[in-house]
């Protein structure tokens, strides 16, 4: 799966509580983070990493940093608990 495909995928459930009710919140002017509505876990605050992130944000009308925040959340959520 390419980086862009990972960004485009839906957000995975929370790696801590399993809740699927997660959302992206804009933290600052150029950064976002994913937050779990179940346990309030928060992904890293992310800014756009490269042109691919900027292209994904433009194509999806996302906030700055949302592509990177989604990718990092899904990377963490895809880990097995023993790998986290």
N, C-alpha and C. Protein backbone atom coordinates (compact mmCIF):
# COMPACT_ATOMS: atom_id res chain seq x y z
N UNK A 1 0.85 -1.17 0.00
CA UNK A 1 0.00 0.00 0.00
C UNK A 1 0.90 1.24 0.00
N UNK A 2 0.64 2.16 -0.91
CA UNK A 2 1.44 3.38 -0.99
C UNK A 2 1.08 4.32 0.15
N UNK A 3 1.94 5.30 0.36
CA UNK A 3 1.69 6.30 1.40
C UNK A 3 0.35 6.99 1.16
N UNK A 4 0.09 7.34 -0.08
CA UNK A 4 -1.15 8.05 -0.40
C UNK A 4 -2.37 7.17 -0.11
N UNK A 5 -2.29 5.88 -0.38
CA UNK A 5 -3.41 4.98 -0.10
C UNK A 5 -3.65 4.88 1.40
N UNK A 6 -2.58 4.86 2.19
CA UNK A 6 -2.73 4.82 3.64
C UNK A 6 -3.41 6.08 4.14
N UNK A 7 -3.01 7.23 3.57
CA UNK A 7 -3.60 8.51 3.97
C UNK A 7 -5.08 8.53 3.63
N UNK A 8 -5.43 7.99 2.47
CA UNK A 8 -6.81 8.05 1.99
C UNK A 8 -7.72 7.09 2.75
N UNK A 9 -7.16 6.08 3.40
CA UNK A 9 -8.00 5.11 4.08
C UNK A 9 -8.68 5.75 5.29
N UNK A 10 -9.75 5.13 5.72
CA UNK A 10 -10.46 5.63 6.89
C UNK A 10 -9.59 5.45 8.13
N UNK A 11 -9.88 6.23 9.14
CA UNK A 11 -9.12 6.12 10.38
C UNK A 11 -9.42 4.78 11.06
N UNK A 12 -8.37 4.14 11.52
CA UNK A 12 -8.52 2.87 12.24
C UNK A 12 -9.00 3.13 13.66
N UNK A 13 -9.59 2.11 14.31
CA UNK A 13 -10.03 2.28 15.70
C UNK A 13 -8.85 2.60 16.63
N UNK A 14 -9.19 3.14 17.77
CA UNK A 14 -8.18 3.51 18.76
C UNK A 14 -7.36 2.29 19.18
N UNK A 15 -6.03 2.41 19.19
CA UNK A 15 -5.20 1.27 19.58
C UNK A 15 -5.25 1.00 21.09
N UNK A 16 -5.82 1.90 21.87
CA UNK A 16 -5.85 1.73 23.32
C UNK A 16 -7.17 1.16 23.82
N UNK A 17 -8.30 1.66 23.28
CA UNK A 17 -9.59 1.20 23.78
C UNK A 17 -10.44 0.49 22.72
N UNK A 18 -10.01 0.56 21.45
CA UNK A 18 -10.75 -0.10 20.38
C UNK A 18 -11.92 0.71 19.83
N UNK A 19 -12.16 1.88 20.37
CA UNK A 19 -13.26 2.74 19.91
C UNK A 19 -13.04 3.16 18.46
N UNK A 20 -14.09 3.08 17.66
CA UNK A 20 -13.97 3.49 16.26
C UNK A 20 -14.41 4.95 16.06
N UNK A 21 -14.93 5.58 17.11
CA UNK A 21 -15.36 6.97 17.04
C UNK A 21 -14.14 7.87 17.30
N UNK A 22 -13.35 8.09 16.25
CA UNK A 22 -12.16 8.94 16.32
C UNK A 22 -12.31 10.06 15.29
N UNK A 23 -11.65 11.17 15.52
CA UNK A 23 -11.79 12.31 14.62
C UNK A 23 -10.48 13.09 14.54
N UNK A 24 -10.36 13.89 13.50
CA UNK A 24 -9.19 14.74 13.31
C UNK A 24 -9.53 16.13 13.81
N UNK A 25 -8.64 16.69 14.61
CA UNK A 25 -8.83 18.05 15.11
C UNK A 25 -7.64 18.91 14.71
N UNK A 26 -7.94 20.09 14.24
CA UNK A 26 -6.88 21.04 13.92
C UNK A 26 -6.34 21.61 15.23
N UNK A 27 -5.03 21.50 15.42
CA UNK A 27 -4.42 21.93 16.68
C UNK A 27 -3.91 23.36 16.57
N UNK A 28 -3.14 23.63 15.53
CA UNK A 28 -2.62 24.96 15.27
C UNK A 28 -2.89 25.29 13.80
N UNK A 29 -2.39 26.39 13.35
CA UNK A 29 -2.65 26.82 11.98
C UNK A 29 -2.23 25.78 10.95
N UNK A 30 -1.12 25.08 11.20
CA UNK A 30 -0.63 24.12 10.20
C UNK A 30 -0.46 22.71 10.75
N UNK A 31 -1.21 22.36 11.79
CA UNK A 31 -1.05 21.01 12.34
C UNK A 31 -2.38 20.44 12.81
N UNK A 32 -2.46 19.10 12.79
CA UNK A 32 -3.65 18.36 13.22
C UNK A 32 -3.24 17.18 14.08
N UNK A 33 -4.22 16.62 14.75
CA UNK A 33 -4.03 15.41 15.55
C UNK A 33 -5.33 14.62 15.50
N UNK A 34 -5.23 13.30 15.64
CA UNK A 34 -6.42 12.45 15.72
C UNK A 34 -6.71 12.21 17.20
N UNK A 35 -7.99 12.26 17.56
CA UNK A 35 -8.41 12.11 18.95
C UNK A 35 -9.50 11.04 19.02
N UNK A 36 -9.43 10.21 20.06
CA UNK A 36 -10.43 9.16 20.30
C UNK A 36 -11.52 9.71 21.20
N UNK A 37 -12.78 9.54 20.80
CA UNK A 37 -13.91 9.96 21.63
C UNK A 37 -14.16 9.00 22.78
N UNK A 38 -13.58 7.80 22.73
CA UNK A 38 -13.79 6.82 23.79
C UNK A 38 -12.92 7.06 25.01
N UNK A 39 -11.62 7.17 24.79
CA UNK A 39 -10.68 7.29 25.92
C UNK A 39 -9.85 8.57 25.89
N UNK A 40 -10.11 9.42 24.90
CA UNK A 40 -9.40 10.71 24.74
C UNK A 40 -7.93 10.56 24.37
N UNK A 41 -7.55 9.38 23.89
CA UNK A 41 -6.17 9.22 23.40
C UNK A 41 -5.98 10.18 22.24
N UNK A 42 -4.76 10.66 22.11
CA UNK A 42 -4.47 11.64 21.07
C UNK A 42 -3.24 11.18 20.30
N UNK A 43 -3.35 11.24 18.98
CA UNK A 43 -2.20 10.94 18.14
C UNK A 43 -1.24 12.11 18.16
N UNK A 44 -0.08 11.95 17.51
CA UNK A 44 0.89 13.03 17.50
C UNK A 44 0.37 14.24 16.72
N UNK A 45 0.81 15.41 17.13
CA UNK A 45 0.49 16.63 16.40
C UNK A 45 1.37 16.65 15.15
N UNK A 46 0.76 16.70 13.98
CA UNK A 46 1.49 16.56 12.72
C UNK A 46 1.30 17.75 11.81
N UNK A 47 2.34 18.07 11.09
CA UNK A 47 2.31 19.05 10.01
C UNK A 47 2.52 18.30 8.71
N UNK A 48 2.18 18.91 7.57
CA UNK A 48 2.43 18.24 6.29
C UNK A 48 3.90 17.86 6.18
N UNK A 49 4.14 16.63 5.72
CA UNK A 49 5.50 16.11 5.63
C UNK A 49 6.15 16.43 4.29
N UNK A 50 5.38 16.29 3.22
CA UNK A 50 5.95 16.48 1.88
C UNK A 50 4.85 16.86 0.89
N UNK A 51 5.21 16.95 -0.37
CA UNK A 51 4.24 17.32 -1.40
C UNK A 51 3.09 16.33 -1.50
N UNK A 52 3.35 15.07 -1.23
CA UNK A 52 2.28 14.06 -1.28
C UNK A 52 1.22 14.35 -0.22
N UNK A 53 1.66 14.77 0.97
CA UNK A 53 0.70 15.16 2.00
C UNK A 53 -0.11 16.38 1.54
N UNK A 54 0.56 17.37 0.99
CA UNK A 54 -0.12 18.57 0.53
C UNK A 54 -1.12 18.25 -0.57
N UNK A 55 -0.75 17.35 -1.48
CA UNK A 55 -1.67 16.94 -2.56
C UNK A 55 -2.90 16.24 -1.98
N UNK A 56 -2.70 15.35 -1.00
CA UNK A 56 -3.83 14.63 -0.39
C UNK A 56 -4.75 15.61 0.33
N UNK A 57 -4.17 16.60 1.01
CA UNK A 57 -4.99 17.58 1.71
C UNK A 57 -5.80 18.41 0.73
N UNK A 58 -5.17 18.82 -0.36
CA UNK A 58 -5.89 19.58 -1.38
C UNK A 58 -7.02 18.76 -2.00
N UNK A 59 -6.73 17.51 -2.32
CA UNK A 59 -7.71 16.65 -2.99
C UNK A 59 -8.92 16.34 -2.10
N UNK A 60 -8.71 16.30 -0.79
CA UNK A 60 -9.78 15.92 0.13
C UNK A 60 -10.34 17.08 0.94
N UNK A 61 -9.87 18.30 0.66
CA UNK A 61 -10.29 19.47 1.42
C UNK A 61 -10.04 19.29 2.91
N UNK A 62 -8.86 18.75 3.23
CA UNK A 62 -8.45 18.54 4.62
C UNK A 62 -7.69 19.74 5.14
N UNK A 63 -7.61 19.85 6.45
CA UNK A 63 -6.82 20.90 7.10
C UNK A 63 -5.34 20.60 6.95
N UNK A 64 -4.48 21.63 7.06
CA UNK A 64 -3.03 21.39 7.01
C UNK A 64 -2.59 20.44 8.12
N UNK A 65 -1.85 19.43 7.74
CA UNK A 65 -1.36 18.44 8.69
C UNK A 65 -2.26 17.23 8.84
N UNK A 66 -3.45 17.27 8.26
CA UNK A 66 -4.40 16.16 8.44
C UNK A 66 -3.91 14.87 7.78
N UNK A 67 -3.29 14.96 6.62
CA UNK A 67 -2.81 13.75 5.95
C UNK A 67 -1.78 13.05 6.82
N UNK A 68 -0.84 13.80 7.37
CA UNK A 68 0.19 13.20 8.23
C UNK A 68 -0.41 12.68 9.52
N UNK A 69 -1.36 13.39 10.10
CA UNK A 69 -2.00 12.94 11.34
C UNK A 69 -2.74 11.62 11.12
N UNK A 70 -3.47 11.52 10.00
CA UNK A 70 -4.17 10.28 9.66
C UNK A 70 -3.19 9.12 9.49
N UNK A 71 -2.11 9.38 8.74
CA UNK A 71 -1.12 8.33 8.48
C UNK A 71 -0.49 7.84 9.80
N UNK A 72 -0.10 8.76 10.66
CA UNK A 72 0.54 8.38 11.92
C UNK A 72 -0.43 7.65 12.84
N UNK A 73 -1.68 8.09 12.89
CA UNK A 73 -2.68 7.40 13.70
C UNK A 73 -2.87 5.98 13.20
N UNK A 74 -3.06 5.83 11.90
CA UNK A 74 -3.28 4.49 11.34
C UNK A 74 -2.06 3.60 11.48
N UNK A 75 -0.86 4.18 11.42
CA UNK A 75 0.35 3.38 11.63
C UNK A 75 0.36 2.82 13.05
N UNK A 76 0.06 3.64 14.01
CA UNK A 76 0.04 3.21 15.42
C UNK A 76 -1.11 2.23 15.67
N UNK A 77 -2.28 2.52 15.13
CA UNK A 77 -3.44 1.67 15.35
C UNK A 77 -3.29 0.30 14.72
N UNK A 78 -2.45 0.20 13.69
CA UNK A 78 -2.25 -1.07 13.01
C UNK A 78 -1.28 -1.99 13.75
N UNK A 79 -0.53 -1.45 14.72
CA UNK A 79 0.41 -2.27 15.48
C UNK A 79 -0.34 -3.21 16.40
N UNK A 80 0.25 -4.37 16.64
CA UNK A 80 -0.30 -5.28 17.64
C UNK A 80 0.04 -4.71 19.01
N UNK A 81 -0.80 -4.96 20.03
CA UNK A 81 -0.53 -4.39 21.37
C UNK A 81 0.89 -4.68 21.86
N UNK A 82 1.42 -5.85 21.57
CA UNK A 82 2.76 -6.17 22.06
C UNK A 82 3.85 -5.39 21.31
N UNK A 83 3.51 -4.81 20.14
CA UNK A 83 4.47 -4.02 19.37
C UNK A 83 4.41 -2.55 19.73
N UNK A 84 3.33 -2.12 20.36
CA UNK A 84 3.10 -0.68 20.62
C UNK A 84 4.03 -0.09 21.63
